[in-house]
Amino acid sequence: MDVAFSRSFAQRARDLADKADPFTRKRLLVVAEKYDAKLGKHSPASRNLQRTLRLPRTVPAVSVISDAGEA
């Protein structure tokens, strides 16, 4: 495949991802990442996909910690 084609197709996928819903955006960014990998580089968008969000700490429900002797 031609380098110019891969570069332009990856950019086109990123441009479409900017306008897409979250479900489609994620998949378009994966496509862009694959075309960038063919060029030997990682796209900035792919780095954002790999970051994970921290989950908030949850507090157990009050019923769980009340009188442990009751059944």
Protein backbone atom coordinates (compact mmCIF):
# COMPACT_ATOMS: atom_id res chain seq x y z
CA MET A 1 0.00 0.00 0.00
CA ASP A 2 1.15 3.50 -0.75
CA VAL A 3 2.45 5.62 2.15
CA ALA A 4 0.43 8.65 1.05
CA PHE A 5 -2.75 6.54 0.93
CA SER A 6 -2.16 5.13 4.43
CA ARG A 7 -1.44 8.58 5.83
CA SER A 8 -4.52 10.16 4.22
CA PHE A 9 -6.80 7.27 5.18
CA ALA A 10 -5.66 7.46 8.83
CA GLN A 11 -6.31 11.20 8.83
CA ARG A 12 -9.73 10.70 7.24
CA ALA A 13 -10.64 8.17 9.96
CA ARG A 14 -9.54 10.66 12.66
CA ASP A 15 -11.58 13.44 11.06
CA LEU A 16 -14.66 11.23 10.98
CA ALA A 17 -14.03 10.19 14.58
CA ASP A 18 -14.19 13.84 15.68
CA LYS A 19 -17.79 14.00 14.46
CA ALA A 20 -18.92 10.50 15.47
CA ASP A 21 -20.69 9.11 18.52
CA PRO A 22 -18.48 7.53 21.22
CA PHE A 23 -19.08 3.95 20.02
CA THR A 24 -18.09 4.72 16.43
CA ARG A 25 -15.31 7.13 17.48
CA LYS A 26 -13.48 4.37 19.33
CA ARG A 27 -13.56 2.07 16.32
CA LEU A 28 -12.48 4.77 13.87
CA LEU A 29 -9.53 5.64 16.09
CA VAL A 30 -8.52 1.97 16.11
CA VAL A 31 -8.62 1.99 12.30
CA ALA A 32 -6.47 5.15 12.25
CA GLU A 33 -4.03 3.51 14.64
CA LYS A 34 -3.69 0.47 12.37
CA TYR A 35 -2.91 2.63 9.35
CA ASP A 36 -0.42 4.65 11.41
CA ALA A 37 1.22 1.40 12.52
CA LYS A 38 1.75 0.51 8.85
CA LEU A 39 3.69 3.76 8.60
CA GLY A 40 5.71 2.89 11.70
CA LYS A 41 4.21 5.44 14.08
CA HIS A 42 1.45 5.62 16.68
CA SER A 43 -1.28 8.19 16.39
CA PRO A 44 -1.99 10.60 19.26
CA ALA A 45 -5.55 9.30 19.27
CA SER A 46 -4.41 5.77 20.00
CA ARG A 47 -2.56 6.93 23.10
CA ASN A 48 -5.83 8.38 24.40
CA LEU A 49 -7.56 5.04 23.88
CA GLN A 50 -5.00 3.22 25.97
CA ARG A 51 -5.41 5.47 29.01
CA THR A 52 -7.77 4.04 31.56
CA LEU A 53 -10.11 6.02 33.75
CA ARG A 54 -9.88 5.60 37.48
CA LEU A 55 -13.05 4.25 39.00
CA PRO A 56 -14.43 6.15 41.97
CA ARG A 57 -14.17 4.41 45.32
CA THR A 58 -17.49 3.15 46.51
CA VAL A 59 -18.71 2.98 50.07
CA PRO A 60 -20.60 -0.16 51.10
CA ALA A 61 -24.32 0.22 51.68
CA VAL A 62 -25.37 0.92 55.25
CA SER A 63 -27.29 -2.37 55.44
CA VAL A 64 -24.07 -4.30 54.82
CA ILE A 65 -22.23 -2.81 57.80
CA SER A 66 -25.09 -2.67 60.31
CA ASP A 67 -25.36 -5.27 63.12
CA ALA A 68 -23.31 -8.19 61.86
CA GLY A 69 -25.02 -10.58 64.32
CA GLU A 70 -28.43 -10.31 62.68
CA ALA A 71 -29.32 -12.74 59.93
